Amino acid sequence: MTWPTLTVTGHMAAEDRTANSAPRRPAPAAPAPANRFLPGVPGADIKRIIHAAPGNEIASGKFDSPESSAALAANAFGFFLHQPQVLPPLPGCSGLSWPACSLSLEEAVRFPWRGGRHPVLDCLVVTPSALIGIESKRFEPFRGGKAAILSGAYWRPVFGDRMARFERVRDRLRENPRLFEFLDAAQLVKHAFGLRSAIHRPGRHHGLRPVLFYVYAEPACWPTTGRRVDTAAIAGHREEIARFADLVRGDEVAFVPCTWRRLLEAWKHDHGEEVAAHAEAVEARYSP
């Protein structure tokens, strides 16, 4: 299967790779559990989804943390859970035959083997031509790097001949588990392998174009202390995203990075008052 190349527009590249010195307001404290979902977001349905997902971040208390990435993703994309056709085209993905046909949260994409752990994406979007896995980050990149961990299962020869660039990143991570300081490259490689597996498995995703959409926040301050997030770490994360994108460009799974700020700005324009109001609400609560 071959597809036309996805391209990141010049405006998007400038937004995602250039440090922004404008002052940013700190993220507010986490809402009380009774108010953990924004207006228009089907909270009861999302609670059931999260309770059934690995890790159950509501029961663990992580979802209600003021630093929660899961809360940001669930509230932002949960608005479209029962109306996927309203989701605007994602920046960098406008050529993928919108509108969306379906949208799910906390969705697993299984490897072509039984047993073990399989990747769970924050959101999975299906359009008539593409399978888009969304991975969201908020404060995680700025908490200190950790060594990449990849089990021997990821060296099984099951990912075809169009994933060589992701496989080279995998190999380099085994040689140097701290190849990336801020970016969780091992997780992204696993997600890409899972998406590739999904579109080659018989079923509703077969033959779709696989896309890994990485949406990340650049928060001004740590919400509990008010201390500013290290601008050098923000710049380092951006540099590593650009480096990772260069390393995997041209493989079967397209990697598309985007800031939360750019995504929400896109939702505010030309997509109706309800979507614009939702984008404003997400921005006001989470300041990503």
C-alpha atoms as a PDB file:
ATOM      1  CA  MET A   1       0.000   0.000   0.000  1.00  0.00           C
ATOM      2  CA  THR A   2       1.247   3.471  -0.851  1.00  0.00           C
ATOM      3  CA  TRP A   3      -0.207   6.844   0.013  1.00  0.00           C
ATOM      4  CA  PRO A   4       0.598  10.456  -0.846  1.00  0.00           C
ATOM      5  CA  THR A   5       3.064  12.031   1.556  1.00  0.00           C
ATOM      6  CA  LEU A   6       1.594  13.985   4.462  1.00  0.00           C
ATOM      7  CA  THR A   7       3.187  17.393   4.770  1.00  0.00           C
ATOM      8  CA  VAL A   8       3.402  19.774   7.709  1.00  0.00           C
ATOM      9  CA  THR A   9       2.638  23.305   6.624  1.00  0.00           C
ATOM     10  CA  GLY A  10       5.204  26.034   7.090  1.00  0.00           C
ATOM     11  CA  HIS A  11       2.984  27.744   9.664  1.00  0.00           C
ATOM     12  CA  MET A  12       2.645  24.548  11.645  1.00  0.00           C
ATOM     13  CA  ALA A  13       6.374  23.857  11.518  1.00  0.00           C
ATOM     14  CA  ALA A  14       7.116  27.339  12.813  1.00  0.00           C
ATOM     15  CA  GLU A  15       4.600  26.915  15.627  1.00  0.00           C
ATOM     16  CA  ASP A  16       5.923  23.542  16.691  1.00  0.00           C
ATOM     17  CA  ARG A  17       9.665  24.124  16.438  1.00  0.00           C
ATOM     18  CA  THR A  18      10.206  27.720  17.536  1.00  0.00           C
ATOM     19  CA  ALA A  19      10.201  28.723  21.212  1.00  0.00           C
ATOM     20  CA  ASN A  20       7.482  31.173  22.139  1.00  0.00           C
ATOM     21  CA  SER A  21       8.535  33.820  24.619  1.00  0.00           C
ATOM     22  CA  ALA A  22       5.026  35.224  25.175  1.00  0.00           C
ATOM     23  CA  PRO A  23       3.903  35.000  28.835  1.00  0.00           C
ATOM     24  CA  ARG A  24       1.605  32.066  29.571  1.00  0.00           C
ATOM     25  CA  ARG A  25      -0.821  31.826  32.451  1.00  0.00           C
ATOM     26  CA  PRO A  26      -0.316  28.900  34.836  1.00  0.00           C
ATOM     27  CA  ALA A  27      -2.664  25.931  34.650  1.00  0.00           C
ATOM     28  CA  PRO A  28      -5.369  26.150  37.331  1.00  0.00           C
ATOM     29  CA  ALA A  29      -5.828  23.565  40.038  1.00  0.00           C
ATOM     30  CA  ALA A  30      -7.651  20.378  39.090  1.00  0.00           C
ATOM     31  CA  PRO A  31     -11.449  20.568  39.281  1.00  0.00           C
ATOM     32  CA  ALA A  32     -13.365  18.714  41.937  1.00  0.00           C
ATOM     33  CA  PRO A  33     -14.409  15.216  40.822  1.00  0.00           C
ATOM     34  CA  ALA A  34     -18.021  16.360  40.383  1.00  0.00           C
ATOM     35  CA  ASN A  35     -16.758  18.854  37.810  1.00  0.00           C
ATOM     36  CA  ARG A  36     -14.039  16.784  36.163  1.00  0.00           C
ATOM     37  CA  PHE A  37     -15.692  16.956  32.734  1.00  0.00           C
ATOM     38  CA  LEU A  38     -16.302  20.092  30.700  1.00  0.00           C
ATOM     39  CA  PRO A  39     -19.764  21.114  29.457  1.00  0.00           C
ATOM     40  CA  GLY A  40     -20.817  19.081  26.433  1.00  0.00           C
ATOM     41  CA  VAL A  41     -18.480  16.206  27.288  1.00  0.00           C
ATOM     42  CA  PRO A  42     -20.322  12.904  27.986  1.00  0.00           C
ATOM     43  CA  GLY A  43     -18.744  12.330  31.376  1.00  0.00           C
ATOM     44  CA  ALA A  44     -20.655   9.172  32.350  1.00  0.00           C
ATOM     45  CA  ASP A  45     -19.627   7.416  29.142  1.00  0.00           C
ATOM     46  CA  ILE A  46     -16.006   8.507  29.466  1.00  0.00           C
ATOM     47  CA  LYS A  47     -15.902   7.331  33.086  1.00  0.00           C
ATOM     48  CA  ARG A  48     -16.996   3.869  31.941  1.00  0.00           C
ATOM     49  CA  ILE A  49     -14.304   3.865  29.238  1.00  0.00           C
ATOM     50  CA  ILE A  50     -11.566   4.893  31.672  1.00  0.00           C
ATOM     51  CA  HIS A  51     -12.697   2.413  34.337  1.00  0.00           C
ATOM     52  CA  ALA A  52     -12.345  -0.376  31.752  1.00  0.00           C
ATOM     53  CA  ALA A  53      -8.952   0.828  30.477  1.00  0.00           C
ATOM     54  CA  PRO A  54      -5.578  -0.401  31.775  1.00  0.00           C
ATOM     55  CA  GLY A  55      -4.474   1.702  34.728  1.00  0.00           C
ATOM     56  CA  ASN A  56      -7.952   3.118  35.470  1.00  0.00           C
ATOM     57  CA  GLU A  57      -6.705   6.662  36.033  1.00  0.00           C
ATOM     58  CA  ILE A  58      -9.916   7.791  37.755  1.00  0.00           C
ATOM     59  CA  ALA A  59      -9.773   5.091  40.432  1.00  0.00           C
ATOM     60  CA  SER A  60      -6.051   5.707  40.935  1.00  0.00           C
ATOM     61  CA  GLY A  61      -6.621   9.446  41.406  1.00  0.00           C
ATOM     62  CA  LYS A  62      -4.287  10.365  38.548  1.00  0.00           C
ATOM     63  CA  PHE A  63      -7.123  11.724  36.409  1.00  0.00           C
ATOM     64  CA  ASP A  64      -7.926  14.405  38.993  1.00  0.00           C
ATOM     65  CA  SER A  65      -4.324  15.510  39.395  1.00  0.00           C
ATOM     66  CA  PRO A  66      -3.742  19.127  38.312  1.00  0.00           C
ATOM     67  CA  GLU A  67      -1.020  17.777  36.008  1.00  0.00           C
ATOM     68  CA  SER A  68      -3.177  15.088  34.387  1.00  0.00           C
ATOM     69  CA  SER A  69      -2.622  14.547  30.691  1.00  0.00           C
ATOM     70  CA  ALA A  70      -5.449  12.005  30.604  1.00  0.00           C
ATOM     71  CA  ALA A  71      -7.948  14.624  31.800  1.00  0.00           C
ATOM     72  CA  LEU A  72      -6.853  17.039  29.091  1.00  0.00           C
ATOM     73  CA  ALA A  73      -7.138  14.422  26.323  1.00  0.00           C
ATOM     74  CA  ALA A  74     -10.434  12.976  27.568  1.00  0.00           C
ATOM     75  CA  ASN A  75     -12.065  16.384  27.883  1.00  0.00           C
ATOM     76  CA  ALA A  76     -10.713  17.744  24.606  1.00  0.00           C
ATOM     77  CA  PHE A  77     -11.512  14.746  22.404  1.00  0.00           C
ATOM     78  CA  GLY A  78     -14.394  13.402  24.486  1.00  0.00           C
ATOM     79  CA  PHE A  79     -16.550  16.263  23.203  1.00  0.00           C
ATOM     80  CA  PHE A  80     -16.553  14.441  19.835  1.00  0.00           C
ATOM     81  CA  LEU A  81     -17.144  10.927  21.206  1.00  0.00           C
ATOM     82  CA  HIS A  82     -20.752  10.747  19.959  1.00  0.00           C
ATOM     83  CA  GLN A  83     -20.339  13.224  17.118  1.00  0.00           C
ATOM     84  CA  PRO A  84     -17.072  12.306  15.360  1.00  0.00           C
ATOM     85  CA  GLN A  85     -18.208  13.985  12.154  1.00  0.00           C
ATOM     86  CA  VAL A  86     -17.892  17.342  13.968  1.00  0.00           C
ATOM     87  CA  LEU A  87     -14.179  16.843  14.752  1.00  0.00           C
ATOM     88  CA  PRO A  88     -12.242  19.326  12.580  1.00  0.00           C
ATOM     89  CA  PRO A  89      -9.415  17.928  10.439  1.00  0.00           C
ATOM     90  CA  LEU A  90      -6.307  17.608  12.581  1.00  0.00           C
ATOM     91  CA  PRO A  91      -3.456  19.985  11.656  1.00  0.00           C
ATOM     92  CA  GLY A  92      -1.123  18.232   9.237  1.00  0.00           C
ATOM     93  CA  CYS A  93      -3.802  15.650   8.374  1.00  0.00           C
ATOM     94  CA  SER A  94      -6.166  17.643   6.179  1.00  0.00           C
ATOM     95  CA  GLY A  95      -5.695  15.312   3.201  1.00  0.00           C
ATOM     96  CA  LEU A  96      -7.154  12.260   4.937  1.00  0.00           C
ATOM     97  CA  SER A  97     -10.745  12.254   3.646  1.00  0.00           C
ATOM     98  CA  TRP A  98     -12.583  13.990   6.473  1.00  0.00           C
ATOM     99  CA  PRO A  99     -15.028  13.993   8.244  1.00  0.00           C
ATOM    100  CA  ALA A 100     -14.205  11.305  10.771  1.00  0.00           C
ATOM    101  CA  CYS A 101     -16.328   8.159  10.808  1.00  0.00           C
ATOM    102  CA  SER A 102     -15.613   7.208  14.416  1.00  0.00           C
ATOM    103  CA  LEU A 103     -13.666   8.337  17.483  1.00  0.00           C
ATOM    104  CA  SER A 104     -12.805   6.272  20.544  1.00  0.00           C
ATOM    105  CA  LEU A 105     -10.884   6.962  23.736  1.00  0.00           C
ATOM    106  CA  GLU A 106      -8.345   4.765  25.548  1.00  0.00           C
ATOM    107  CA  GLU A 107      -8.215   2.428  22.565  1.00  0.00           C
ATOM    108  CA  ALA A 108      -5.801  -0.504  22.334  1.00  0.00           C
ATOM    109  CA  VAL A 109      -4.057  -1.347  19.061  1.00  0.00           C
ATOM    110  CA  ARG A 110      -2.804  -4.896  19.290  1.00  0.00           C
ATOM    111  CA  PHE A 111       0.456  -6.321  18.017  1.00  0.00           C
ATOM    112  CA  PRO A 112       0.324  -9.409  15.785  1.00  0.00           C
ATOM    113  CA  TRP A 113       0.889 -11.782  18.701  1.00  0.00           C
ATOM    114  CA  ARG A 114      -0.973 -12.989  21.742  1.00  0.00           C
ATOM    115  CA  GLY A 115      -0.120 -12.147  25.311  1.00  0.00           C
ATOM    116  CA  GLY A 116       2.004  -9.357  26.676  1.00  0.00           C
ATOM    117  CA  ARG A 117       1.154  -5.694  26.740  1.00  0.00           C
ATOM    118  CA  HIS A 118      -0.289  -3.832  23.778  1.00  0.00           C
ATOM    119  CA  PRO A 119      -0.299  -0.050  23.225  1.00  0.00           C
ATOM    120  CA  VAL A 120      -3.257   2.017  24.390  1.00  0.00           C
ATOM    121  CA  LEU A 121      -3.735   5.331  22.603  1.00  0.00           C
ATOM    122  CA  ASP A 122      -5.415   8.348  24.163  1.00  0.00           C
ATOM    123  CA  CYS A 123      -7.695   8.579  21.142  1.00  0.00           C
ATOM    124  CA  LEU A 124      -8.244   6.663  17.922  1.00  0.00           C
ATOM    125  CA  VAL A 125      -9.867   8.423  14.964  1.00  0.00           C
ATOM    126  CA  VAL A 126     -11.059   6.689  11.822  1.00  0.00           C
ATOM    127  CA  THR A 127     -11.667   8.623   8.610  1.00  0.00           C
ATOM    128  CA  PRO A 128     -12.700   7.081   5.269  1.00  0.00           C
ATOM    129  CA  SER A 129      -9.006   6.751   4.367  1.00  0.00           C
ATOM    130  CA  ALA A 130      -6.997   6.766   7.605  1.00  0.00           C
ATOM    131  CA  LEU A 131      -6.497   5.311  11.063  1.00  0.00           C
ATOM    132  CA  ILE A 132      -5.167   8.088  13.292  1.00  0.00           C
ATOM    133  CA  GLY A 133      -3.763   7.206  16.694  1.00  0.00           C
ATOM    134  CA  ILE A 134      -3.452  10.195  19.030  1.00  0.00           C
ATOM    135  CA  GLU A 135      -0.899  10.347  21.834  1.00  0.00           C
ATOM    136  CA  SER A 136      -1.181  13.355  24.156  1.00  0.00           C
ATOM    137  CA  LYS A 137       1.479  14.773  26.462  1.00  0.00           C
ATOM    138  CA  ARG A 138       1.202  17.557  29.023  1.00  0.00           C
ATOM    139  CA  PHE A 139       3.797  17.707  31.817  1.00  0.00           C
ATOM    140  CA  GLU A 140       5.374  14.269  31.252  1.00  0.00           C
ATOM    141  CA  PRO A 141       8.289  15.431  29.057  1.00  0.00           C
ATOM    142  CA  PHE A 142       9.465  17.867  31.735  1.00  0.00           C
ATOM    143  CA  ARG A 143       9.561  15.518  34.742  1.00  0.00           C
ATOM    144  CA  GLY A 144      13.001  14.135  33.978  1.00  0.00           C
ATOM    145  CA  GLY A 145      14.128  11.605  31.427  1.00  0.00           C
ATOM    146  CA  LYS A 146      13.880   7.862  31.844  1.00  0.00           C
ATOM    147  CA  ALA A 147      15.647   5.061  30.072  1.00  0.00           C
ATOM    148  CA  ALA A 148      13.810   3.479  27.140  1.00  0.00           C
ATOM    149  CA  ILE A 149      12.621  -0.075  27.782  1.00  0.00           C
ATOM    150  CA  LEU A 150      11.833  -2.398  24.874  1.00  0.00           C
ATOM    151  CA  SER A 151      11.402  -6.136  25.309  1.00  0.00           C
ATOM    152  CA  GLY A 152      12.798  -8.638  22.857  1.00  0.00           C
ATOM    153  CA  ALA A 153       9.311  -9.086  21.353  1.00  0.00           C
ATOM    154  CA  TYR A 154       9.747  -5.873  19.372  1.00  0.00           C
ATOM    155  CA  TRP A 155      12.474  -7.493  17.299  1.00  0.00           C
ATOM    156  CA  ARG A 156      10.120 -10.086  15.838  1.00  0.00           C
ATOM    157  CA  PRO A 157      10.098  -9.784  12.014  1.00  0.00           C
ATOM    158  CA  VAL A 158       6.386  -8.970  11.763  1.00  0.00           C
ATOM    159  CA  PHE A 159       6.224  -5.279  10.834  1.00  0.00           C
ATOM    160  CA  GLY A 160       6.941  -5.526   7.101  1.00  0.00           C
ATOM    161  CA  ASP A 161       9.518  -3.769   4.959  1.00  0.00           C
ATOM    162  CA  ARG A 162       8.087  -0.251   5.240  1.00  0.00           C
ATOM    163  CA  MET A 163       8.845   0.270   8.932  1.00  0.00           C
ATOM    164  CA  ALA A 164      12.640   0.208   8.631  1.00  0.00           C
ATOM    165  CA  ARG A 165      13.086   3.731   9.978  1.00  0.00           C
ATOM    166  CA  PHE A 166      11.041   3.064  13.115  1.00  0.00           C
ATOM    167  CA  GLU A 167      13.000  -0.170  13.503  1.00  0.00           C
ATOM    168  CA  ARG A 168      16.275   1.740  13.291  1.00  0.00           C
ATOM    169  CA  VAL A 169      15.091   4.039  16.093  1.00  0.00           C
ATOM    170  CA  ARG A 170      14.161   0.913  18.067  1.00  0.00           C
ATOM    171  CA  ASP A 171      17.674  -0.464  17.492  1.00  0.00           C
ATOM    172  CA  ARG A 172      19.318   2.802  18.531  1.00  0.00           C
ATOM    173  CA  LEU A 173      17.235   2.874  21.725  1.00  0.00           C
ATOM    174  CA  ARG A 174      18.539  -0.569  22.652  1.00  0.00           C
ATOM    175  CA  GLU A 175      22.097   0.656  22.081  1.00  0.00           C
ATOM    176  CA  ASN A 176      21.455   3.885  24.014  1.00  0.00           C
ATOM    177  CA  PRO A 177      18.304   3.811  26.211  1.00  0.00           C
ATOM    178  CA  ARG A 178      18.777   7.527  26.953  1.00  0.00           C
ATOM    179  CA  LEU A 179      18.996   8.604  23.342  1.00  0.00           C
ATOM    180  CA  PHE A 180      16.097  11.008  23.987  1.00  0.00           C
ATOM    181  CA  GLU A 181      15.933  13.022  27.199  1.00  0.00           C
ATOM    182  CA  PHE A 182      12.426  14.504  26.930  1.00  0.00           C
ATOM    183  CA  LEU A 183      10.603  12.533  24.238  1.00  0.00           C
ATOM    184  CA  ASP A 184       9.298   9.056  25.069  1.00  0.00           C
ATOM    185  CA  ALA A 185      10.527   7.648  21.770  1.00  0.00           C
ATOM    186  CA  ALA A 186      10.088   4.031  22.861  1.00  0.00           C
ATOM    187  CA  GLN A 187       6.386   4.613  23.451  1.00  0.00           C
ATOM    188  CA  LEU A 188       6.017   6.242  20.035  1.00  0.00           C
ATOM    189  CA  VAL A 189       7.757   3.307  18.340  1.00  0.00           C
ATOM    190  CA  LYS A 190       5.382   0.889  20.086  1.00  0.00           C
ATOM    191  CA  HIS A 191       2.360   2.951  19.037  1.00  0.00           C
ATOM    192  CA  ALA A 192       3.582   3.018  15.438  1.00  0.00           C
ATOM    193  CA  PHE A 193       4.054  -0.764  15.428  1.00  0.00           C
ATOM    194  CA  GLY A 194       0.534  -1.165  16.855  1.00  0.00           C
ATOM    195  CA  LEU A 195      -1.036   1.088  14.226  1.00  0.00           C
ATOM    196  CA  ARG A 196       0.810  -0.691  11.440  1.00  0.00           C
ATOM    197  CA  SER A 197      -0.426  -4.025  12.777  1.00  0.00           C
ATOM    198  CA  ALA A 198      -4.030  -2.784  12.927  1.00  0.00           C
ATOM    199  CA  ILE A 199      -4.241  -1.777   9.275  1.00  0.00           C
ATOM    200  CA  HIS A 200      -2.857  -5.132   8.101  1.00  0.00           C
ATOM    201  CA  ARG A 201      -5.253  -7.187  10.229  1.00  0.00           C
ATOM    202  CA  PRO A 202      -8.565  -8.269   8.644  1.00  0.00           C
ATOM    203  CA  GLY A 203     -11.342  -6.049   9.933  1.00  0.00           C
ATOM    204  CA  ARG A 204     -12.667  -2.519   9.802  1.00  0.00           C
ATOM    205  CA  HIS A 205      -9.212  -0.866   9.844  1.00  0.00           C
ATOM    206  CA  HIS A 206      -7.708  -2.992   7.090  1.00  0.00           C
ATOM    207  CA  GLY A 207      -6.106  -0.975   4.313  1.00  0.00           C
ATOM    208  CA  LEU A 208      -6.412   2.427   5.982  1.00  0.00           C
ATOM    209  CA  ARG A 209      -3.483   4.821   6.139  1.00  0.00           C
ATOM    210  CA  PRO A 210      -1.851   4.702   9.603  1.00  0.00           C
ATOM    211  CA  VAL A 211      -0.991   8.028  11.230  1.00  0.00           C
ATOM    212  CA  LEU A 212       0.535   8.687  14.659  1.00  0.00           C
ATOM    213  CA  PHE A 213      -0.557  12.154  15.794  1.00  0.00           C
ATOM    214  CA  TYR A 214       1.534  13.475  18.702  1.00  0.00           C
ATOM    215  CA  VAL A 215      -0.123  16.433  20.428  1.00  0.00           C
ATOM    216  CA  TYR A 216       1.858  18.048  23.208  1.00  0.00           C
ATOM    217  CA  ALA A 217       1.476  20.892  25.690  1.00  0.00           C
ATOM    218  CA  GLU A 218       4.005  23.579  26.519  1.00  0.00           C
ATOM    219  CA  PRO A 219       2.715  24.712  29.928  1.00  0.00           C
ATOM    220  CA  ALA A 220       4.034  27.862  31.544  1.00  0.00           C
ATOM    221  CA  CYS A 221       4.065  26.695  35.169  1.00  0.00           C
ATOM    222  CA  TRP A 222       3.793  23.652  37.377  1.00  0.00           C
ATOM    223  CA  PRO A 223       0.219  23.890  38.724  1.00  0.00           C
ATOM    224  CA  THR A 224       0.881  22.919  42.337  1.00  0.00           C
ATOM    225  CA  THR A 225       3.899  25.159  42.949  1.00  0.00           C
ATOM    226  CA  GLY A 226       3.541  27.939  40.388  1.00  0.00           C
ATOM    227  CA  ARG A 227       7.182  27.357  39.441  1.00  0.00           C
ATOM    228  CA  ARG A 228       7.868  28.013  35.772  1.00  0.00           C
ATOM    229  CA  VAL A 229       8.496  25.039  33.537  1.00  0.00           C
ATOM    230  CA  ASP A 230      12.108  25.091  32.368  1.00  0.00           C
ATOM    231  CA  THR A 231      12.157  26.801  28.968  1.00  0.00           C
ATOM    232  CA  ALA A 232      15.297  24.850  28.056  1.00  0.00           C
ATOM    233  CA  ALA A 233      13.355  21.620  28.599  1.00  0.00           C
ATOM    234  CA  ILE A 234      10.530  22.885  26.381  1.00  0.00           C
ATOM    235  CA  ALA A 235      13.043  23.752  23.666  1.00  0.00           C
ATOM    236  CA  GLY A 236      14.771  20.392  24.116  1.00  0.00           C
ATOM    237  CA  HIS A 237      11.485  18.534  23.751  1.00  0.00           C
ATOM    238  CA  ARG A 238      10.759  20.394  20.525  1.00  0.00           C
ATOM    239  CA  GLU A 239      14.194  19.589  19.167  1.00  0.00           C
ATOM    240  CA  GLU A 240      13.764  15.908  19.961  1.00  0.00           C
ATOM    241  CA  ILE A 241      10.332  15.840  18.298  1.00  0.00           C
ATOM    242  CA  ALA A 242      11.861  17.327  15.144  1.00  0.00           C
ATOM    243  CA  ARG A 243      14.742  14.822  15.281  1.00  0.00           C
ATOM    244  CA  PHE A 244      12.390  11.875  15.753  1.00  0.00           C
ATOM    245  CA  ALA A 245      10.198  13.094  12.877  1.00  0.00           C
ATOM    246  CA  ASP A 246      13.245  13.272  10.605  1.00  0.00           C
ATOM    247  CA  LEU A 247      14.342   9.769  11.626  1.00  0.00           C
ATOM    248  CA  VAL A 248      11.005   8.080  10.809  1.00  0.00           C
ATOM    249  CA  ARG A 249       9.878  10.200   7.842  1.00  0.00           C
ATOM    250  CA  GLY A 250       8.879   8.045   4.869  1.00  0.00           C
ATOM    251  CA  ASP A 251       7.809   4.942   6.781  1.00  0.00           C
ATOM    252  CA  GLU A 252       4.399   3.319   6.485  1.00  0.00           C
ATOM    253  CA  VAL A 253       3.140   5.037   9.646  1.00  0.00           C
ATOM    254  CA  ALA A 254       3.198   8.805   9.239  1.00  0.00           C
ATOM    255  CA  PHE A 255       4.282  10.770  12.317  1.00  0.00           C
ATOM    256  CA  VAL A 256       2.545  14.143  12.717  1.00  0.00           C
ATOM    257  CA  PRO A 257       3.449  16.366  15.726  1.00  0.00           C
ATOM    258  CA  CYS A 258       1.357  19.343  16.829  1.00  0.00           C
ATOM    259  CA  THR A 259       1.166  21.554  19.904  1.00  0.00           C
ATOM    260  CA  TRP A 260      -2.061  21.619  21.888  1.00  0.00           C
ATOM    261  CA  ARG A 261      -2.029  25.359  21.384  1.00  0.00           C
ATOM    262  CA  ARG A 262      -2.107  25.008  17.614  1.00  0.00           C
ATOM    263  CA  LEU A 263      -4.779  22.320  17.733  1.00  0.00           C
ATOM    264  CA  LEU A 264      -7.094  24.442  19.879  1.00  0.00           C
ATOM    265  CA  GLU A 265      -6.502  27.509  17.724  1.00  0.00           C
ATOM    266  CA  ALA A 266      -7.529  25.448  14.692  1.00  0.00           C
ATOM    267  CA  TRP A 267     -10.740  24.412  16.466  1.00  0.00           C
ATOM    268  CA  LYS A 268     -11.621  28.042  17.153  1.00  0.00           C
ATOM    269  CA  HIS A 269     -11.820  28.990  13.490  1.00  0.00           C
ATOM    270  CA  ASP A 270     -14.341  28.043  10.790  1.00  0.00           C
ATOM    271  CA  HIS A 271     -15.755  25.010  12.594  1.00  0.00           C
ATOM    272  CA  GLY A 272     -18.856  26.418  14.268  1.00  0.00           C
ATOM    273  CA  GLU A 273     -19.628  28.158  17.537  1.00  0.00           C
ATOM    274  CA  GLU A 274     -19.946  24.979  19.631  1.00  0.00           C
ATOM    275  CA  VAL A 275     -16.507  23.653  18.653  1.00  0.00           C
ATOM    276  CA  ALA A 276     -14.963  27.102  19.159  1.00  0.00           C
ATOM    277  CA  ALA A 277     -16.564  27.399  22.610  1.00  0.00           C
ATOM    278  CA  HIS A 278     -15.281  23.941  23.510  1.00  0.00           C
ATOM    279  CA  ALA A 279     -11.751  24.893  22.453  1.00  0.00           C
ATOM    280  CA  GLU A 280     -11.963  27.999  24.642  1.00  0.00           C
ATOM    281  CA  ALA A 281     -13.141  25.893  27.587  1.00  0.00           C
ATOM    282  CA  VAL A 282     -10.274  23.408  27.181  1.00  0.00           C
ATOM    283  CA  GLU A 283      -7.772  26.242  26.981  1.00  0.00           C
ATOM    284  CA  ALA A 284      -9.225  28.010  30.017  1.00  0.00           C
ATOM    285  CA  ARG A 285      -9.112  24.921  32.220  1.00  0.00           C
ATOM    286  CA  TYR A 286      -5.813  23.349  31.146  1.00  0.00           C
ATOM    287  CA  SER A 287      -3.693  26.191  29.698  1.00  0.00           C
ATOM    288  CA  PRO A 288      -1.739  23.812  27.467  1.00  0.00           C
END
